[in-house]
Amino acid sequence: MATLFTRIVKGEIPCHKILEEENYLAFLDIRPINPGHTLVITKKEIEYIFDVEDELLSGLVIFAKKVARLIEQEIPCQKIGMMVAGLEVPHVHIHLVPIFEVTDLNFARAKPTSNEELAKVAARIRAKVLK
């Protein structure tokens, strides 16, 4: 059965897309730790990050860097934290989280956010692609 993220890639489940390339997709987390919390995934369904082929993995990190630069242009923060937990959804993904201190990278802080608020944040960040 396809993962939640594969269903998002296929358009079966909506998301608040930030950026997309041939092999990668970035979209807002629906339970963000902080506003702008974005998931960066491979479109290919692979469960464990260290099972990803080297070229695809290096491309994922480079894509995540592009996305982080977009987020930090729009979301006030000290840095964009990067975290790979890999237990929530069995599909490779990187969490990009706007942070002010290391304790911000804590899933206990995550909270459901309205679809409307996610749409506003995604639009603000996507607008940076055009600049």
N, C-alpha and C. Protein backbone atom coordinates (compact mmCIF):
# COMPACT_ATOMS: atom_id res chain seq x y z
N MET A 1 0.83 -1.18 0.00
CA MET A 1 0.00 0.00 0.00
C MET A 1 0.88 1.25 0.00
N ALA A 2 0.48 2.24 -0.78
CA ALA A 2 1.25 3.48 -0.90
C ALA A 2 1.27 4.24 0.43
N THR A 3 2.40 4.88 0.71
CA THR A 3 2.49 5.70 1.92
C THR A 3 1.67 6.97 1.73
N LEU A 4 1.42 7.63 2.85
CA LEU A 4 0.73 8.92 2.83
C LEU A 4 1.45 9.88 1.88
N PHE A 5 2.78 9.88 1.93
CA PHE A 5 3.54 10.82 1.09
C PHE A 5 3.46 10.45 -0.39
N THR A 6 3.43 9.16 -0.71
CA THR A 6 3.26 8.75 -2.10
C THR A 6 1.90 9.21 -2.61
N ARG A 7 0.90 9.12 -1.77
CA ARG A 7 -0.44 9.58 -2.16
C ARG A 7 -0.46 11.09 -2.36
N ILE A 8 0.34 11.83 -1.59
CA ILE A 8 0.47 13.28 -1.80
C ILE A 8 1.15 13.54 -3.13
N VAL A 9 2.24 12.84 -3.41
CA VAL A 9 2.96 13.00 -4.69
C VAL A 9 2.01 12.75 -5.87
N LYS A 10 1.16 11.73 -5.76
CA LYS A 10 0.24 11.39 -6.84
C LYS A 10 -0.96 12.33 -6.93
N GLY A 11 -1.09 13.25 -5.97
CA GLY A 11 -2.21 14.18 -5.98
C GLY A 11 -3.48 13.62 -5.39
N GLU A 12 -3.41 12.47 -4.75
CA GLU A 12 -4.59 11.85 -4.14
C GLU A 12 -4.97 12.54 -2.83
N ILE A 13 -3.98 13.13 -2.18
CA ILE A 13 -4.19 13.86 -0.93
C ILE A 13 -3.60 15.26 -1.14
N PRO A 14 -4.35 16.31 -0.80
CA PRO A 14 -3.82 17.66 -1.00
C PRO A 14 -2.71 17.99 -0.02
N CYS A 15 -1.88 18.95 -0.41
CA CYS A 15 -0.83 19.46 0.47
C CYS A 15 -0.63 20.94 0.17
N HIS A 16 0.09 21.59 1.05
CA HIS A 16 0.47 22.98 0.85
C HIS A 16 1.90 22.98 0.32
N LYS A 17 1.98 22.87 -0.99
CA LYS A 17 3.25 22.70 -1.69
C LYS A 17 4.09 23.98 -1.61
N ILE A 18 5.37 23.78 -1.37
CA ILE A 18 6.34 24.87 -1.35
C ILE A 18 7.16 24.87 -2.64
N LEU A 19 7.71 23.70 -2.99
CA LEU A 19 8.56 23.60 -4.16
C LEU A 19 8.54 22.15 -4.64
N GLU A 20 8.69 21.98 -5.96
CA GLU A 20 8.69 20.64 -6.53
C GLU A 20 9.70 20.59 -7.66
N GLU A 21 10.41 19.48 -7.71
CA GLU A 21 11.32 19.18 -8.82
C GLU A 21 11.04 17.74 -9.26
N GLU A 22 11.72 17.29 -10.25
CA GLU A 22 11.46 15.97 -10.82
C GLU A 22 11.44 14.85 -9.77
N ASN A 23 12.41 14.86 -8.86
CA ASN A 23 12.55 13.76 -7.89
C ASN A 23 12.17 14.11 -6.46
N TYR A 24 11.79 15.38 -6.22
CA TYR A 24 11.59 15.83 -4.84
C TYR A 24 10.36 16.72 -4.73
N LEU A 25 9.82 16.76 -3.52
CA LEU A 25 8.67 17.60 -3.22
C LEU A 25 8.83 18.17 -1.81
N ALA A 26 8.47 19.43 -1.64
CA ALA A 26 8.48 20.08 -0.32
C ALA A 26 7.09 20.65 -0.05
N PHE A 27 6.57 20.37 1.13
CA PHE A 27 5.25 20.87 1.51
C PHE A 27 5.19 21.08 3.01
N LEU A 28 4.26 21.93 3.45
CA LEU A 28 4.14 22.23 4.87
C LEU A 28 3.65 21.03 5.66
N ASP A 29 4.20 20.87 6.86
CA ASP A 29 3.74 19.86 7.80
C ASP A 29 2.40 20.33 8.38
N ILE A 30 1.41 19.45 8.47
CA ILE A 30 0.11 19.86 8.99
C ILE A 30 0.09 19.96 10.52
N ARG A 31 1.15 19.47 11.16
CA ARG A 31 1.32 19.64 12.61
C ARG A 31 2.68 20.29 12.84
N PRO A 32 2.79 21.57 12.48
CA PRO A 32 4.11 22.22 12.54
C PRO A 32 4.60 22.46 13.97
N ILE A 33 5.89 22.32 14.12
CA ILE A 33 6.54 22.71 15.37
C ILE A 33 6.52 24.23 15.47
N ASN A 34 6.85 24.89 14.37
CA ASN A 34 6.79 26.34 14.24
C ASN A 34 6.23 26.65 12.86
N PRO A 35 5.64 27.83 12.66
CA PRO A 35 5.16 28.18 11.32
C PRO A 35 6.29 28.05 10.29
N GLY A 36 5.95 27.49 9.14
CA GLY A 36 6.94 27.27 8.10
C GLY A 36 7.58 25.89 8.13
N HIS A 37 7.27 25.08 9.14
CA HIS A 37 7.80 23.71 9.25
C HIS A 37 7.43 22.96 7.98
N THR A 38 8.44 22.54 7.25
CA THR A 38 8.26 21.95 5.93
C THR A 38 8.86 20.55 5.87
N LEU A 39 8.18 19.66 5.14
CA LEU A 39 8.69 18.32 4.89
C LEU A 39 9.26 18.28 3.48
N VAL A 40 10.44 17.71 3.35
CA VAL A 40 11.10 17.55 2.06
C VAL A 40 11.24 16.06 1.82
N ILE A 41 10.67 15.58 0.70
CA ILE A 41 10.63 14.14 0.46
C ILE A 41 11.19 13.78 -0.91
N THR A 42 11.58 12.53 -1.02
CA THR A 42 11.85 11.96 -2.34
C THR A 42 10.50 11.53 -2.91
N LYS A 43 10.32 11.69 -4.20
CA LYS A 43 9.08 11.22 -4.80
C LYS A 43 9.07 9.70 -4.87
N LYS A 44 10.24 9.13 -4.97
CA LYS A 44 10.36 7.67 -4.95
C LYS A 44 10.12 7.19 -3.53
N GLU A 45 9.27 6.20 -3.37
CA GLU A 45 8.93 5.69 -2.05
C GLU A 45 10.05 4.78 -1.55
N ILE A 46 10.80 5.31 -0.59
CA ILE A 46 11.89 4.57 0.06
C ILE A 46 11.67 4.81 1.55
N GLU A 47 11.74 3.75 2.35
CA GLU A 47 11.41 3.89 3.76
C GLU A 47 12.51 4.53 4.60
N TYR A 48 13.74 4.15 4.38
CA TYR A 48 14.84 4.50 5.29
C TYR A 48 15.86 5.36 4.56
N ILE A 49 16.21 6.48 5.14
CA ILE A 49 17.07 7.46 4.46
C ILE A 49 18.42 6.86 4.06
N PHE A 50 18.94 5.94 4.82
CA PHE A 50 20.25 5.38 4.47
C PHE A 50 20.14 4.24 3.47
N ASP A 51 18.94 3.98 2.97
CA ASP A 51 18.74 3.07 1.84
C ASP A 51 18.62 3.82 0.51
N VAL A 52 18.63 5.15 0.56
CA VAL A 52 18.51 5.97 -0.64
C VAL A 52 19.84 5.94 -1.39
N GLU A 53 19.76 5.75 -2.72
CA GLU A 53 20.97 5.75 -3.54
C GLU A 53 21.70 7.09 -3.36
N ASP A 54 23.02 7.06 -3.45
CA ASP A 54 23.84 8.24 -3.17
C ASP A 54 23.43 9.47 -3.97
N GLU A 55 23.21 9.32 -5.26
CA GLU A 55 22.88 10.47 -6.10
C GLU A 55 21.53 11.08 -5.69
N LEU A 56 20.55 10.24 -5.42
CA LEU A 56 19.23 10.74 -5.00
C LEU A 56 19.32 11.39 -3.63
N LEU A 57 20.11 10.82 -2.73
CA LEU A 57 20.27 11.38 -1.38
C LEU A 57 20.97 12.74 -1.43
N SER A 58 22.04 12.84 -2.19
CA SER A 58 22.73 14.14 -2.28
C SER A 58 21.82 15.18 -2.91
N GLY A 59 21.03 14.78 -3.90
CA GLY A 59 20.07 15.69 -4.51
C GLY A 59 19.01 16.14 -3.52
N LEU A 60 18.58 15.23 -2.63
CA LEU A 60 17.59 15.56 -1.61
C LEU A 60 18.11 16.66 -0.68
N VAL A 61 19.36 16.54 -0.28
CA VAL A 61 19.94 17.54 0.63
C VAL A 61 20.09 18.88 -0.10
N ILE A 62 20.50 18.87 -1.35
CA ILE A 62 20.62 20.12 -2.12
C ILE A 62 19.25 20.76 -2.31
N PHE A 63 18.23 19.94 -2.60
CA PHE A 63 16.87 20.45 -2.72
C PHE A 63 16.40 21.04 -1.39
N ALA A 64 16.68 20.36 -0.28
CA ALA A 64 16.31 20.85 1.05
C ALA A 64 16.97 22.20 1.33
N LYS A 65 18.20 22.38 0.87
CA LYS A 65 18.90 23.66 1.05
C LYS A 65 18.16 24.77 0.32
N LYS A 66 17.70 24.52 -0.91
CA LYS A 66 16.92 25.51 -1.67
C LYS A 66 15.66 25.89 -0.90
N VAL A 67 14.98 24.88 -0.39
CA VAL A 67 13.74 25.11 0.33
C VAL A 67 14.01 25.90 1.61
N ALA A 68 15.05 25.54 2.34
CA ALA A 68 15.41 26.26 3.57
C ALA A 68 15.66 27.73 3.29
N ARG A 69 16.33 28.04 2.18
CA ARG A 69 16.60 29.44 1.82
C ARG A 69 15.30 30.20 1.55
N LEU A 70 14.33 29.53 0.94
CA LEU A 70 13.02 30.17 0.71
C LEU A 70 12.31 30.44 2.04
N ILE A 71 12.33 29.45 2.92
CA ILE A 71 11.64 29.59 4.21
C ILE A 71 12.24 30.74 5.00
N GLU A 72 13.58 30.78 5.08
CA GLU A 72 14.20 31.80 5.92
C GLU A 72 14.02 33.21 5.37
N GLN A 73 13.69 33.34 4.09
CA GLN A 73 13.39 34.66 3.52
C GLN A 73 12.04 35.19 4.01
N GLU A 74 11.15 34.28 4.39
CA GLU A 74 9.79 34.69 4.72
C GLU A 74 9.40 34.50 6.18
N ILE A 75 9.98 33.52 6.84
CA ILE A 75 9.60 33.20 8.22
C ILE A 75 10.69 33.68 9.17
N PRO A 76 10.37 34.61 10.06
CA PRO A 76 11.39 35.09 11.01
C PRO A 76 11.91 33.93 11.87
N CYS A 77 13.22 33.79 11.92
CA CYS A 77 13.85 32.75 12.73
C CYS A 77 15.34 33.03 12.79
N GLN A 78 16.03 32.32 13.67
CA GLN A 78 17.48 32.45 13.74
C GLN A 78 18.13 31.56 12.69
N LYS A 79 17.61 30.35 12.53
CA LYS A 79 18.11 29.40 11.54
C LYS A 79 16.97 28.47 11.14
N ILE A 80 17.24 27.67 10.12
CA ILE A 80 16.34 26.58 9.77
C ILE A 80 17.00 25.30 10.27
N GLY A 81 16.35 24.65 11.23
CA GLY A 81 16.84 23.38 11.75
C GLY A 81 16.45 22.26 10.81
N MET A 82 17.29 21.24 10.74
CA MET A 82 17.01 20.09 9.89
C MET A 82 17.03 18.84 10.76
N MET A 83 16.00 18.01 10.57
CA MET A 83 15.90 16.82 11.40
C MET A 83 15.37 15.67 10.54
N VAL A 84 15.95 14.50 10.75
CA VAL A 84 15.46 13.28 10.11
C VAL A 84 15.17 12.30 11.23
N ALA A 85 13.89 12.06 11.47
CA ALA A 85 13.52 11.09 12.49
C ALA A 85 13.19 9.76 11.80
N GLY A 86 12.31 9.82 10.82
CA GLY A 86 12.04 8.66 10.01
C GLY A 86 11.08 7.63 10.58
N LEU A 87 10.42 7.95 11.67
CA LEU A 87 9.51 6.98 12.28
C LEU A 87 8.05 7.32 12.03
N GLU A 88 7.75 8.56 11.71
CA GLU A 88 6.36 8.99 11.61
C GLU A 88 5.67 8.43 10.37
N VAL A 89 6.30 8.51 9.23
CA VAL A 89 5.76 8.00 7.96
C VAL A 89 6.87 7.17 7.32
N PRO A 90 6.59 5.95 6.87
CA PRO A 90 7.64 5.10 6.30
C PRO A 90 8.01 5.52 4.87
N HIS A 91 8.46 6.75 4.74
CA HIS A 91 8.85 7.33 3.45
C HIS A 91 9.88 8.40 3.77
N VAL A 92 11.03 8.37 3.12
CA VAL A 92 12.13 9.29 3.41
C VAL A 92 11.62 10.73 3.43
N HIS A 93 11.95 11.43 4.51
CA HIS A 93 11.62 12.85 4.60
C HIS A 93 12.54 13.56 5.58
N ILE A 94 12.76 14.82 5.25
CA ILE A 94 13.55 15.72 6.08
C ILE A 94 12.62 16.79 6.61
N HIS A 95 12.71 17.07 7.90
CA HIS A 95 11.96 18.17 8.49
C HIS A 95 12.84 19.42 8.45
N LEU A 96 12.32 20.50 7.90
CA LEU A 96 12.97 21.80 7.95
C LEU A 96 12.12 22.67 8.87
N VAL A 97 12.71 23.12 9.98
CA VAL A 97 11.94 23.82 11.00
C VAL A 97 12.60 25.16 11.32
N PRO A 98 11.87 26.27 11.13
CA PRO A 98 12.41 27.56 11.58
C PRO A 98 12.59 27.52 13.10
N ILE A 99 13.79 27.86 13.56
CA ILE A 99 14.08 27.76 15.00
C ILE A 99 14.79 29.01 15.52
N PHE A 100 14.68 29.18 16.84
CA PHE A 100 15.42 30.22 17.55
C PHE A 100 16.42 29.60 18.52
N GLU A 101 16.14 28.35 18.94
CA GLU A 101 17.05 27.64 19.82
C GLU A 101 16.89 26.15 19.57
N VAL A 102 17.86 25.36 19.98
CA VAL A 102 17.87 23.93 19.68
C VAL A 102 16.65 23.22 20.28
N THR A 103 16.12 23.73 21.38
CA THR A 103 14.96 23.08 21.99
C THR A 103 13.70 23.23 21.13
N ASP A 104 13.74 24.08 20.11
CA ASP A 104 12.60 24.20 19.19
C ASP A 104 12.41 22.91 18.39
N LEU A 105 13.45 22.12 18.20
CA LEU A 105 13.33 20.88 17.45
C LEU A 105 12.79 19.77 18.34
N ASN A 106 11.51 19.90 18.65
CA ASN A 106 10.87 18.99 19.60
C ASN A 106 9.44 18.75 19.13
N PHE A 107 9.13 17.51 18.75
CA PHE A 107 7.80 17.19 18.25
C PHE A 107 6.71 17.39 19.29
N ALA A 108 7.06 17.45 20.55
CA ALA A 108 6.06 17.71 21.59
C ALA A 108 5.48 19.11 21.43
N ARG A 109 6.19 19.98 20.74
CA ARG A 109 5.73 21.35 20.49
C ARG A 109 4.79 21.43 19.28
N ALA A 110 4.72 20.38 18.48
CA ALA A 110 3.91 20.39 17.26
C ALA A 110 2.43 20.51 17.62
N LYS A 111 1.71 21.26 16.78
CA LYS A 111 0.29 21.42 17.04
C LYS A 111 -0.47 21.49 15.72
N PRO A 112 -1.69 20.97 15.72
CA PRO A 112 -2.50 21.06 14.50
C PRO A 112 -2.69 22.52 14.10
N THR A 113 -2.68 22.77 12.82
CA THR A 113 -2.82 24.12 12.30
C THR A 113 -3.91 24.10 11.23
N SER A 114 -4.71 25.14 11.18
CA SER A 114 -5.83 25.17 10.24
C SER A 114 -5.34 25.17 8.80
N ASN A 115 -6.16 24.63 7.94
CA ASN A 115 -5.86 24.60 6.51
C ASN A 115 -5.65 26.02 5.99
N GLU A 116 -6.43 26.96 6.46
CA GLU A 116 -6.33 28.35 6.03
C GLU A 116 -4.98 28.95 6.41
N GLU A 117 -4.54 28.70 7.64
CA GLU A 117 -3.25 29.24 8.08
C GLU A 117 -2.11 28.60 7.30
N LEU A 118 -2.19 27.28 7.06
CA LEU A 118 -1.16 26.61 6.27
C LEU A 118 -1.11 27.20 4.85
N ALA A 119 -2.26 27.45 4.26
CA ALA A 119 -2.32 28.01 2.91
C ALA A 119 -1.65 29.38 2.86
N LYS A 120 -1.88 30.21 3.87
CA LYS A 120 -1.26 31.54 3.92
C LYS A 120 0.27 31.43 4.00
N VAL A 121 0.75 30.57 4.88
CA VAL A 121 2.20 30.41 5.06
C VAL A 121 2.83 29.85 3.78
N ALA A 122 2.20 28.84 3.18
CA ALA A 122 2.74 28.26 1.95
C ALA A 122 2.81 29.29 0.84
N ALA A 123 1.78 30.10 0.70
CA ALA A 123 1.77 31.13 -0.35
C ALA A 123 2.88 32.15 -0.13
N ARG A 124 3.11 32.54 1.12
CA ARG A 124 4.18 33.51 1.42
C ARG A 124 5.55 32.94 1.04
N ILE A 125 5.78 31.68 1.37
CA ILE A 125 7.09 31.07 1.07
C ILE A 125 7.23 30.83 -0.43
N ARG A 126 6.19 30.30 -1.08
CA ARG A 126 6.24 30.06 -2.54
C ARG A 126 6.52 31.32 -3.31
N ALA A 127 6.03 32.45 -2.83
CA ALA A 127 6.24 33.73 -3.52
C ALA A 127 7.72 34.05 -3.65
N LYS A 128 8.54 33.52 -2.77
CA LYS A 128 9.98 33.78 -2.80
C LYS A 128 10.65 33.08 -3.98
N VAL A 129 10.03 32.05 -4.55
CA VAL A 129 10.59 31.35 -5.71
C VAL A 129 10.66 32.29 -6.90
N LEU A 130 9.70 33.19 -7.00
CA LEU A 130 9.62 34.09 -8.14
C LEU A 130 10.61 35.24 -8.07
N LYS A 131 11.21 35.46 -6.90
CA LYS A 131 12.11 36.61 -6.74
C LYS A 131 13.54 36.25 -7.02
